[in-house]
Amino acid sequence: AQNIPEGKLTAALAKVLFDRATGIVYEYVSLPNARSIYELGQGLLDIEGPRNPTIEKNFSNIIKIPETIFVNDLVAFSKNSNIKLAGWKSLKKHRVAYLAGWKIFENNVVGAKHLEILESPEALFKFLDAGRTDIILISRLSGLNVISDLNLKGIAAIEPPLTVKSFYLYINKKHEKLAPVFAKILRDMKSDGTYCQIYQKVIGADCNP
């Protein structure tokens, strides 16, 4: 979805990517998650993302552009710099909050001292900032974006992340020859500074391409 940080970042990067790919005319559309990848597989869309490679086992007609569009971690944010985590089980001794509908959190957060499930990233961070929970769980990009938007102080991600995932753009198999072309343009964007300029503008945080 284009209204979340990951979607905004992908759209901004893709615009430059296509502008640099000589002779390609494009139209950007925002679709529901399941419909979008289905239409790519059917050839109704030409390029789609961001996606983690786990999607490949379900769709045989899609090709990964072999250069990451971004790396996104699932992390815990806290105001308490003394909290140390070592995997999901270490959450048990803390008050925890996360977003409704995130299956990975539902499946892995078991036996927390107290659990709250909220409806928006902004609500999560306000809940944490008010001292009503010890830890909130969210993707790093979304978290950094909210911290920037709300101008919050004293909140930081706990390292290491709970899990790390790389995300890519995918194209329909009929455009297979374009995969290395797009990959090279993405690498060039990273090396010439364009990638980080876009990342910092969209996410509001330091960039490490």
C-alpha atoms as a PDB file:
ATOM      1  CA  ALA A   1       0.000   0.000   0.000  1.00  0.00           C
ATOM      2  CA  GLN A   2       1.343   3.398  -0.962  1.00  0.00           C
ATOM      3  CA  ASN A   3       0.199   5.074   2.265  1.00  0.00           C
ATOM      4  CA  ILE A   4       2.637   3.156   4.515  1.00  0.00           C
ATOM      5  CA  PRO A   5       6.375   3.994   4.635  1.00  0.00           C
ATOM      6  CA  GLU A   6       7.406   0.842   2.765  1.00  0.00           C
ATOM      7  CA  GLY A   7       4.935   1.628  -0.010  1.00  0.00           C
ATOM      8  CA  LYS A   8       5.939   5.283  -0.200  1.00  0.00           C
ATOM      9  CA  LEU A   9       9.624   4.327  -0.388  1.00  0.00           C
ATOM     10  CA  THR A  10       9.022   1.732  -3.095  1.00  0.00           C
ATOM     11  CA  ALA A  11       6.945   4.160  -5.177  1.00  0.00           C
ATOM     12  CA  ALA A  12       9.561   6.917  -4.919  1.00  0.00           C
ATOM     13  CA  LEU A  13      12.424   4.577  -5.834  1.00  0.00           C
ATOM     14  CA  ALA A  14      10.456   2.975  -8.662  1.00  0.00           C
ATOM     15  CA  LYS A  15       9.742   6.371 -10.231  1.00  0.00           C
ATOM     16  CA  VAL A  16      13.471   7.107 -10.566  1.00  0.00           C
ATOM     17  CA  LEU A  17      14.138   3.530 -11.665  1.00  0.00           C
ATOM     18  CA  PHE A  18      11.664   3.786 -14.539  1.00  0.00           C
ATOM     19  CA  ASP A  19      12.759   7.314 -15.466  1.00  0.00           C
ATOM     20  CA  ARG A  20      16.305   5.998 -15.900  1.00  0.00           C
ATOM     21  CA  ALA A  21      15.194   2.961 -17.910  1.00  0.00           C
ATOM     22  CA  THR A  22      15.176   4.527 -21.370  1.00  0.00           C
ATOM     23  CA  GLY A  23      12.051   3.986 -23.439  1.00  0.00           C
ATOM     24  CA  ILE A  24       9.828   2.581 -20.678  1.00  0.00           C
ATOM     25  CA  VAL A  25       6.434   4.209 -20.171  1.00  0.00           C
ATOM     26  CA  TYR A  26       4.794   3.327 -16.866  1.00  0.00           C
ATOM     27  CA  GLU A  27       1.720   3.899 -14.745  1.00  0.00           C
ATOM     28  CA  TYR A  28       1.850   3.383 -10.972  1.00  0.00           C
ATOM     29  CA  VAL A  29      -1.222   1.789  -9.376  1.00  0.00           C
ATOM     30  CA  SER A  30      -1.866   0.919  -5.729  1.00  0.00           C
ATOM     31  CA  LEU A  31      -3.784  -2.329  -5.196  1.00  0.00           C
ATOM     32  CA  PRO A  32      -4.655  -4.565  -2.242  1.00  0.00           C
ATOM     33  CA  ASN A  33      -1.782  -6.873  -1.338  1.00  0.00           C
ATOM     34  CA  ALA A  34      -3.264 -10.184  -2.487  1.00  0.00           C
ATOM     35  CA  ARG A  35      -4.762  -8.784  -5.687  1.00  0.00           C
ATOM     36  CA  SER A  36      -1.523  -7.080  -6.662  1.00  0.00           C
ATOM     37  CA  ILE A  37       0.667 -10.204  -6.603  1.00  0.00           C
ATOM     38  CA  TYR A  38      -2.089 -12.249  -8.273  1.00  0.00           C
ATOM     39  CA  GLU A  39      -2.316  -9.788 -11.162  1.00  0.00           C
ATOM     40  CA  LEU A  40       1.467  -9.838 -11.561  1.00  0.00           C
ATOM     41  CA  GLY A  41       1.403 -13.621 -11.807  1.00  0.00           C
ATOM     42  CA  GLN A  42      -1.365 -13.426 -14.409  1.00  0.00           C
ATOM     43  CA  GLY A  43       0.557 -10.869 -16.471  1.00  0.00           C
ATOM     44  CA  LEU A  44      -2.003  -8.123 -15.833  1.00  0.00           C
ATOM     45  CA  LEU A  45       0.743  -6.133 -14.066  1.00  0.00           C
ATOM     46  CA  ASP A  46       4.310  -5.895 -15.316  1.00  0.00           C
ATOM     47  CA  ILE A  47       6.201  -5.077 -12.111  1.00  0.00           C
ATOM     48  CA  GLU A  48       5.188  -5.259  -8.445  1.00  0.00           C
ATOM     49  CA  GLY A  49       6.581  -4.938  -4.964  1.00  0.00           C
ATOM     50  CA  PRO A  50       7.981  -4.771  -2.421  1.00  0.00           C
ATOM     51  CA  ARG A  51       8.028  -8.514  -1.740  1.00  0.00           C
ATOM     52  CA  ASN A  52      10.018 -10.939   0.355  1.00  0.00           C
ATOM     53  CA  PRO A  53      11.293 -13.976  -1.623  1.00  0.00           C
ATOM     54  CA  THR A  54       9.027 -16.316   0.352  1.00  0.00           C
ATOM     55  CA  ILE A  55       6.339 -15.279  -2.146  1.00  0.00           C
ATOM     56  CA  GLU A  56       8.124 -17.174  -4.932  1.00  0.00           C
ATOM     57  CA  LYS A  57       6.902 -20.603  -3.817  1.00  0.00           C
ATOM     58  CA  ASN A  58       3.328 -19.591  -4.620  1.00  0.00           C
ATOM     59  CA  PHE A  59       3.860 -17.946  -8.018  1.00  0.00           C
ATOM     60  CA  SER A  60       5.788 -19.535 -10.885  1.00  0.00           C
ATOM     61  CA  ASN A  61       5.415 -16.689 -13.404  1.00  0.00           C
ATOM     62  CA  ILE A  62       7.276 -14.002 -11.482  1.00  0.00           C
ATOM     63  CA  ILE A  63      10.962 -13.055 -11.594  1.00  0.00           C
ATOM     64  CA  LYS A  64      12.865 -11.280  -8.835  1.00  0.00           C
ATOM     65  CA  ILE A  65      14.866  -8.194  -9.752  1.00  0.00           C
ATOM     66  CA  PRO A  66      18.148  -9.283  -8.121  1.00  0.00           C
ATOM     67  CA  GLU A  67      18.881  -6.166  -6.067  1.00  0.00           C
ATOM     68  CA  THR A  68      17.208  -5.322  -2.775  1.00  0.00           C
ATOM     69  CA  ILE A  69      14.733  -2.441  -2.811  1.00  0.00           C
ATOM     70  CA  PHE A  70      15.209  -2.259   0.976  1.00  0.00           C
ATOM     71  CA  VAL A  71      15.924  -4.351   4.050  1.00  0.00           C
ATOM     72  CA  ASN A  72      13.272  -4.159   6.732  1.00  0.00           C
ATOM     73  CA  ASP A  73      13.610  -5.570  10.224  1.00  0.00           C
ATOM     74  CA  LEU A  74      10.913  -6.396  12.720  1.00  0.00           C
ATOM     75  CA  VAL A  75      12.137  -4.740  15.880  1.00  0.00           C
ATOM     76  CA  ALA A  76      11.161  -3.792  19.400  1.00  0.00           C
ATOM     77  CA  PHE A  77      11.137  -0.088  20.261  1.00  0.00           C
ATOM     78  CA  SER A  78      11.432   1.112  23.842  1.00  0.00           C
ATOM     79  CA  LYS A  79      12.167   4.133  26.040  1.00  0.00           C
ATOM     80  CA  ASN A  80      14.208   1.927  28.380  1.00  0.00           C
ATOM     81  CA  SER A  81      17.755   1.568  27.050  1.00  0.00           C
ATOM     82  CA  ASN A  82      18.475  -1.112  29.665  1.00  0.00           C
ATOM     83  CA  ILE A  83      16.127  -3.657  28.079  1.00  0.00           C
ATOM     84  CA  LYS A  84      18.017  -6.413  26.267  1.00  0.00           C
ATOM     85  CA  LEU A  85      16.327  -8.949  24.020  1.00  0.00           C
ATOM     86  CA  ALA A  86      17.517 -12.247  22.607  1.00  0.00           C
ATOM     87  CA  GLY A  87      14.701 -13.557  20.451  1.00  0.00           C
ATOM     88  CA  TRP A  88      10.975 -13.859  20.923  1.00  0.00           C
ATOM     89  CA  LYS A  89      11.083 -15.728  24.237  1.00  0.00           C
ATOM     90  CA  SER A  90      12.837 -12.822  25.955  1.00  0.00           C
ATOM     91  CA  LEU A  91       9.679 -10.717  25.540  1.00  0.00           C
ATOM     92  CA  LYS A  92       7.954 -12.688  28.316  1.00  0.00           C
ATOM     93  CA  LYS A  93       9.183 -10.515  31.184  1.00  0.00           C
ATOM     94  CA  HIS A  94       7.940  -7.264  29.611  1.00  0.00           C
ATOM     95  CA  ARG A  95       4.731  -5.384  28.845  1.00  0.00           C
ATOM     96  CA  VAL A  96       4.327  -5.622  25.061  1.00  0.00           C
ATOM     97  CA  ALA A  97       2.128  -3.949  22.440  1.00  0.00           C
ATOM     98  CA  TYR A  98       1.855  -4.533  18.703  1.00  0.00           C
ATOM     99  CA  LEU A  99      -0.459  -3.860  15.744  1.00  0.00           C
ATOM    100  CA  ALA A 100      -3.648  -5.821  15.143  1.00  0.00           C
ATOM    101  CA  GLY A 101      -3.474  -8.287  12.263  1.00  0.00           C
ATOM    102  CA  TRP A 102       0.251  -9.023  12.338  1.00  0.00           C
ATOM    103  CA  LYS A 103       0.345 -12.834  12.272  1.00  0.00           C
ATOM    104  CA  ILE A 104       4.074 -13.024  12.950  1.00  0.00           C
ATOM    105  CA  PHE A 105       3.547 -11.254  16.276  1.00  0.00           C
ATOM    106  CA  GLU A 106       0.440 -13.272  17.121  1.00  0.00           C
ATOM    107  CA  ASN A 107       2.370 -16.486  16.553  1.00  0.00           C
ATOM    108  CA  ASN A 108       5.548 -15.540  18.404  1.00  0.00           C
ATOM    109  CA  VAL A 109       4.543 -13.307  21.322  1.00  0.00           C
ATOM    110  CA  VAL A 110       3.522 -15.816  23.974  1.00  0.00           C
ATOM    111  CA  GLY A 111       3.210 -15.236  27.706  1.00  0.00           C
ATOM    112  CA  ALA A 112       4.091 -11.533  27.815  1.00  0.00           C
ATOM    113  CA  LYS A 113       3.753  -9.852  31.208  1.00  0.00           C
ATOM    114  CA  HIS A 114       0.969  -7.750  29.708  1.00  0.00           C
ATOM    115  CA  LEU A 115      -0.178  -7.520  26.084  1.00  0.00           C
ATOM    116  CA  GLU A 116      -1.966  -4.743  24.221  1.00  0.00           C
ATOM    117  CA  ILE A 117      -3.012  -4.896  20.569  1.00  0.00           C
ATOM    118  CA  LEU A 118      -3.558  -1.499  18.919  1.00  0.00           C
ATOM    119  CA  GLU A 119      -4.866  -0.291  15.576  1.00  0.00           C
ATOM    120  CA  SER A 120      -2.233   2.106  14.210  1.00  0.00           C
ATOM    121  CA  PRO A 121       1.525   2.764  14.349  1.00  0.00           C
ATOM    122  CA  GLU A 122       0.854   6.228  15.776  1.00  0.00           C
ATOM    123  CA  ALA A 123      -1.256   4.746  18.568  1.00  0.00           C
ATOM    124  CA  LEU A 124       1.543   2.299  19.379  1.00  0.00           C
ATOM    125  CA  PHE A 125       4.153   5.009  19.775  1.00  0.00           C
ATOM    126  CA  LYS A 126       1.886   7.296  21.780  1.00  0.00           C
ATOM    127  CA  PHE A 127       1.119   4.326  24.058  1.00  0.00           C
ATOM    128  CA  LEU A 128       4.841   3.729  24.550  1.00  0.00           C
ATOM    129  CA  ASP A 129       5.632   7.412  24.993  1.00  0.00           C
ATOM    130  CA  ALA A 130       2.982   7.632  27.732  1.00  0.00           C
ATOM    131  CA  GLY A 131       4.713   4.824  29.646  1.00  0.00           C
ATOM    132  CA  ARG A 132       1.815   2.391  29.286  1.00  0.00           C
ATOM    133  CA  THR A 133       3.985  -0.389  27.832  1.00  0.00           C
ATOM    134  CA  ASP A 134       7.667  -1.364  27.974  1.00  0.00           C
ATOM    135  CA  ILE A 135       8.038  -2.446  24.360  1.00  0.00           C
ATOM    136  CA  ILE A 136       6.235  -2.037  21.057  1.00  0.00           C
ATOM    137  CA  LEU A 137       6.769  -4.305  18.047  1.00  0.00           C
ATOM    138  CA  ILE A 138       6.724  -2.964  14.481  1.00  0.00           C
ATOM    139  CA  SER A 139       8.818  -2.853  11.310  1.00  0.00           C
ATOM    140  CA  ARG A 140      11.889  -0.656  11.561  1.00  0.00           C
ATOM    141  CA  LEU A 141      10.898   1.544   8.599  1.00  0.00           C
ATOM    142  CA  SER A 142       7.415   2.201   9.947  1.00  0.00           C
ATOM    143  CA  GLY A 143       8.816   2.876  13.407  1.00  0.00           C
ATOM    144  CA  LEU A 144      11.448   5.346  12.260  1.00  0.00           C
ATOM    145  CA  ASN A 145       8.864   7.108  10.112  1.00  0.00           C
ATOM    146  CA  VAL A 146       6.449   7.567  13.039  1.00  0.00           C
ATOM    147  CA  ILE A 147       9.232   8.768  15.357  1.00  0.00           C
ATOM    148  CA  SER A 148      10.133  11.395  12.740  1.00  0.00           C
ATOM    149  CA  ASP A 149       6.522  12.423  12.039  1.00  0.00           C
ATOM    150  CA  LEU A 150       5.608  12.761  15.733  1.00  0.00           C
ATOM    151  CA  ASN A 151       8.988  14.245  16.679  1.00  0.00           C
ATOM    152  CA  LEU A 152       9.360  11.760  19.536  1.00  0.00           C
ATOM    153  CA  LYS A 153      12.432  11.786  21.759  1.00  0.00           C
ATOM    154  CA  GLY A 154      14.039   9.062  23.838  1.00  0.00           C
ATOM    155  CA  ILE A 155      12.582   6.127  21.901  1.00  0.00           C
ATOM    156  CA  ALA A 156      14.946   3.756  20.105  1.00  0.00           C
ATOM    157  CA  ALA A 157      15.006   0.322  18.501  1.00  0.00           C
ATOM    158  CA  ILE A 158      16.411  -2.507  20.602  1.00  0.00           C
ATOM    159  CA  GLU A 159      19.175  -4.316  18.775  1.00  0.00           C
ATOM    160  CA  PRO A 160      19.452  -6.921  17.372  1.00  0.00           C
ATOM    161  CA  PRO A 161      16.122  -7.080  15.493  1.00  0.00           C
ATOM    162  CA  LEU A 162      13.726  -9.940  16.124  1.00  0.00           C
ATOM    163  CA  THR A 163      13.912 -10.866  12.448  1.00  0.00           C
ATOM    164  CA  VAL A 164      15.436  -9.393   9.263  1.00  0.00           C
ATOM    165  CA  LYS A 165      13.881  -9.547   5.815  1.00  0.00           C
ATOM    166  CA  SER A 166      15.086  -8.306   2.430  1.00  0.00           C
ATOM    167  CA  PHE A 167      12.516  -7.004  -0.023  1.00  0.00           C
ATOM    168  CA  TYR A 168      12.605  -6.888  -3.817  1.00  0.00           C
ATOM    169  CA  LEU A 169      10.660  -5.789  -6.855  1.00  0.00           C
ATOM    170  CA  TYR A 170       9.233  -8.574  -9.029  1.00  0.00           C
ATOM    171  CA  ILE A 171       8.381  -8.618 -12.729  1.00  0.00           C
ATOM    172  CA  ASN A 172       6.229 -10.915 -14.788  1.00  0.00           C
ATOM    173  CA  LYS A 173       8.202 -13.675 -16.506  1.00  0.00           C
ATOM    174  CA  LYS A 174       7.493 -12.201 -19.940  1.00  0.00           C
ATOM    175  CA  HIS A 175       9.816  -9.303 -19.020  1.00  0.00           C
ATOM    176  CA  GLU A 176      12.620 -11.561 -17.739  1.00  0.00           C
ATOM    177  CA  LYS A 177      15.294  -9.777 -19.814  1.00  0.00           C
ATOM    178  CA  LEU A 178      14.619  -6.541 -17.917  1.00  0.00           C
ATOM    179  CA  ALA A 179      15.538  -8.022 -14.523  1.00  0.00           C
ATOM    180  CA  PRO A 180      19.318  -7.424 -14.829  1.00  0.00           C
ATOM    181  CA  VAL A 181      18.690  -3.984 -16.367  1.00  0.00           C
ATOM    182  CA  PHE A 182      16.565  -2.858 -13.420  1.00  0.00           C
ATOM    183  CA  ALA A 183      19.018  -4.430 -10.949  1.00  0.00           C
ATOM    184  CA  LYS A 184      21.901  -2.409 -12.393  1.00  0.00           C
ATOM    185  CA  ILE A 185      19.905   0.830 -12.227  1.00  0.00           C
ATOM    186  CA  LEU A 186      19.101   0.151  -8.556  1.00  0.00           C
ATOM    187  CA  ARG A 187      22.792  -0.498  -7.813  1.00  0.00           C
ATOM    188  CA  ASP A 188      23.711   2.736  -9.619  1.00  0.00           C
ATOM    189  CA  MET A 189      21.118   4.633  -7.545  1.00  0.00           C
ATOM    190  CA  LYS A 190      22.744   3.296  -4.396  1.00  0.00           C
ATOM    191  CA  SER A 191      26.282   4.149  -5.482  1.00  0.00           C
ATOM    192  CA  ASP A 192      25.532   7.678  -6.749  1.00  0.00           C
ATOM    193  CA  GLY A 193      23.632   8.728  -3.613  1.00  0.00           C
ATOM    194  CA  THR A 194      20.158   8.900  -5.166  1.00  0.00           C
ATOM    195  CA  TYR A 195      18.876   5.969  -3.127  1.00  0.00           C
ATOM    196  CA  CYS A 196      19.859   7.519   0.209  1.00  0.00           C
ATOM    197  CA  GLN A 197      18.446  10.919  -0.742  1.00  0.00           C
ATOM    198  CA  ILE A 198      15.060   9.304  -1.401  1.00  0.00           C
ATOM    199  CA  TYR A 199      15.270   7.070   1.681  1.00  0.00           C
ATOM    200  CA  GLN A 200      16.044   9.955   4.015  1.00  0.00           C
ATOM    201  CA  LYS A 201      13.276  12.107   2.522  1.00  0.00           C
ATOM    202  CA  VAL A 202      10.616   9.378   2.768  1.00  0.00           C
ATOM    203  CA  ILE A 203      11.612   7.574   5.973  1.00  0.00           C
ATOM    204  CA  GLY A 204      13.196  10.488   7.848  1.00  0.00           C
ATOM    205  CA  ALA A 205      16.125   8.402   9.076  1.00  0.00           C
ATOM    206  CA  ASP A 206      19.740   7.649   8.192  1.00  0.00           C
ATOM    207  CA  CYS A 207      20.313   5.386   5.210  1.00  0.00           C
ATOM    208  CA  ASN A 208      22.560   2.345   4.848  1.00  0.00           C
ATOM    209  CA  PRO A 209      21.873   1.001   1.341  1.00  0.00           C
END
